Amino acid sequence: MDDSRQKKNRFTGLIIVIIILGFLAIFTEKRFLLTPRFTVTKEKLENGRQIYLENCASCHAEGRGAAPRVGDTGYWQERLEKGVDTLIRHSVQGYEGDLGYMPPKGGNPHLTYDEIEAAVAYILSQSTE
C-alpha cells in the first residue's frame, strides 16, 4: 500500500472514531464520559440542603434501608474513599452492593444531575471532617 493511501485510511479511521465519540456524547450522560470537576459553593450547599430535605432525608436522616446517616463520618468516609464521582454516579444511576442500596436518583426521576450533585455536596459537608 502506498504512503498516500495509508494516510487516507488513517484519516478515515480517525473520522470514524470522532463520529462514534460524538454519538456517545449525545446519547449518554456526557458528565460520565468526561469526569466533571466537583466544586462546592455556598449556593450549591444551600440548594443541596433543600434537595436533601425534600428527597434524601427520609432515608439518610435515620439510616433507613442501610442508608448512611448524614453526620456519620465513618460511614461516609468509607463511601468517599471510592471518590466523589462514584458517589454522584451511584446517586444518579442507583447502586446495590456491599455498601447497601441506593435507588436511582433517590427514587425521584425528576432530579437533575446538578441537583443530585448539590445534595451530595451538602451531605458530605455535614458528614466529613
Protein backbone atom coordinates (compact mmCIF):
# COMPACT_ATOMS: atom_id res chain seq x y z
CA MET A 1 0.00 0.00 0.00
CA ASP A 2 1.45 3.36 -0.90
CA ASP A 3 2.04 6.16 1.63
CA SER A 4 -0.84 8.40 0.48
CA ARG A 5 -3.34 5.54 0.73
CA GLN A 6 -2.14 4.70 4.27
CA LYS A 7 -2.58 8.34 5.30
CA LYS A 8 -6.07 8.35 3.79
CA ASN A 9 -7.01 5.16 5.68
CA ARG A 10 -5.67 6.58 8.97
CA PHE A 11 -7.58 9.80 8.40
CA THR A 12 -10.79 7.87 7.62
CA GLY A 13 -10.32 5.78 10.78
CA LEU A 14 -9.83 8.92 12.86
CA ILE A 15 -13.00 10.46 11.43
CA ILE A 16 -14.97 7.30 12.28
CA VAL A 17 -13.68 7.38 15.88
CA ILE A 18 -14.64 11.05 16.20
CA ILE A 19 -18.14 10.34 14.88
CA ILE A 20 -18.59 7.44 17.32
CA LEU A 21 -17.42 9.59 20.24
CA GLY A 22 -19.83 12.29 19.14
CA PHE A 23 -22.75 9.86 19.17
CA LEU A 24 -21.70 8.58 22.58
CA ALA A 25 -21.63 12.13 23.91
CA ILE A 26 -25.10 12.80 22.52
CA PHE A 27 -26.77 9.57 23.64
CA THR A 28 -25.21 9.17 27.08
CA GLU A 29 -24.80 11.42 30.06
CA LYS A 30 -21.80 13.50 28.96
CA ARG A 31 -20.81 14.05 32.56
CA PHE A 32 -19.90 10.38 32.92
CA LEU A 33 -17.72 10.32 29.80
CA LEU A 34 -15.70 13.31 30.94
CA THR A 35 -15.33 13.35 34.71
CA PRO A 36 -16.73 16.63 35.96
CA ARG A 37 -14.80 18.78 38.36
CA PHE A 38 -16.59 18.69 41.70
CA THR A 39 -16.79 22.14 43.22
CA VAL A 40 -18.63 23.34 46.28
CA THR A 41 -20.08 26.81 46.62
CA LYS A 42 -22.30 28.39 49.28
CA GLU A 43 -25.18 28.42 46.78
CA LYS A 44 -24.67 24.73 45.95
CA LEU A 45 -24.73 23.83 49.66
CA GLU A 46 -27.92 25.87 50.22
CA ASN A 47 -29.61 24.22 47.23
CA GLY A 48 -28.25 20.84 48.29
CA ARG A 49 -29.71 21.23 51.78
CA GLN A 50 -33.18 21.89 50.34
CA ILE A 51 -32.90 18.97 47.90
CA TYR A 52 -31.68 16.74 50.74
CA LEU A 53 -34.61 17.71 52.98
CA GLU A 54 -37.15 17.12 50.21
CA ASN A 55 -35.71 13.95 48.70
CA CYS A 56 -32.98 12.30 50.75
CA ALA A 57 -33.71 12.82 54.44
CA SER A 58 -36.42 10.17 54.53
CA CYS A 59 -33.67 7.54 54.29
CA HIS A 60 -30.43 9.30 55.21
CA ALA A 61 -31.64 11.06 58.38
CA GLU A 62 -32.44 7.78 60.15
CA GLY A 63 -30.37 5.26 58.18
CA ARG A 64 -33.39 3.52 56.67
CA GLY A 65 -32.53 0.60 54.40
CA ALA A 66 -28.87 0.72 55.48
CA ALA A 67 -28.56 4.25 54.07
CA PRO A 68 -25.63 6.00 55.70
CA ARG A 69 -26.86 8.64 58.15
CA VAL A 70 -25.91 12.21 57.46
CA GLY A 71 -23.31 13.16 60.04
CA ASP A 72 -21.89 9.64 60.44
CA THR A 73 -18.32 10.33 59.37
CA GLY A 74 -17.28 6.67 59.45
CA TYR A 75 -19.96 5.57 57.01
CA TRP A 76 -19.38 8.47 54.65
CA GLN A 77 -15.59 8.18 54.78
CA GLU A 78 -15.87 4.58 53.56
CA ARG A 79 -18.00 5.71 50.63
CA LEU A 80 -15.89 8.78 49.94
CA GLU A 81 -12.81 6.57 49.53
CA LYS A 82 -14.35 5.42 46.25
CA GLY A 83 -14.42 9.06 45.08
CA VAL A 84 -16.97 11.84 44.84
CA ASP A 85 -17.64 10.99 41.19
CA THR A 86 -18.59 7.45 42.25
CA LEU A 87 -20.93 8.76 44.96
CA ILE A 88 -22.64 11.03 42.45
CA ARG A 89 -22.82 8.28 39.82
CA HIS A 90 -24.38 5.87 42.35
CA SER A 91 -26.84 8.58 43.35
CA VAL A 92 -27.84 9.15 39.73
CA GLN A 93 -27.78 5.58 38.42
CA GLY A 94 -28.54 3.73 41.63
CA TYR A 95 -26.40 1.24 43.50
CA GLU A 96 -26.74 -2.18 45.03
CA GLY A 97 -23.72 -3.84 46.56
CA ASP A 98 -21.61 -4.43 49.62
CA LEU A 99 -22.26 -0.90 50.95
CA GLY A 100 -26.05 -1.09 50.67
CA TYR A 101 -28.74 0.00 48.23
CA MET A 102 -29.46 3.37 46.64
CA PRO A 103 -32.37 3.74 44.20
CA PRO A 104 -31.63 5.73 41.03
CA LYS A 105 -31.98 9.45 41.76
CA GLY A 106 -33.08 8.55 45.29
CA GLY A 107 -36.39 7.41 43.84
CA ASN A 108 -37.16 10.80 42.26
CA PRO A 109 -36.67 10.52 38.48
CA HIS A 110 -37.16 14.29 38.09
CA LEU A 111 -33.94 15.25 39.88
CA THR A 112 -31.24 16.60 37.59
CA TYR A 113 -27.56 15.78 37.73
CA ASP A 114 -26.82 19.23 39.19
CA GLU A 115 -29.45 18.79 41.90
CA ILE A 116 -28.04 15.42 42.89
CA GLU A 117 -24.52 16.84 42.91
CA ALA A 118 -25.72 19.64 45.20
CA ALA A 119 -27.38 17.15 47.56
CA VAL A 120 -24.20 15.05 47.68
CA ALA A 121 -22.16 18.20 48.39
CA TYR A 122 -24.48 19.10 51.25
CA ILE A 123 -24.45 15.57 52.70
CA LEU A 124 -20.66 15.43 52.56
CA SER A 125 -20.38 18.88 54.15
CA GLN A 126 -22.35 17.52 57.11
CA SER A 127 -20.69 14.12 57.22
CA THR A 128 -16.95 14.52 56.75
CA GLU A 129 -14.24 16.01 58.91
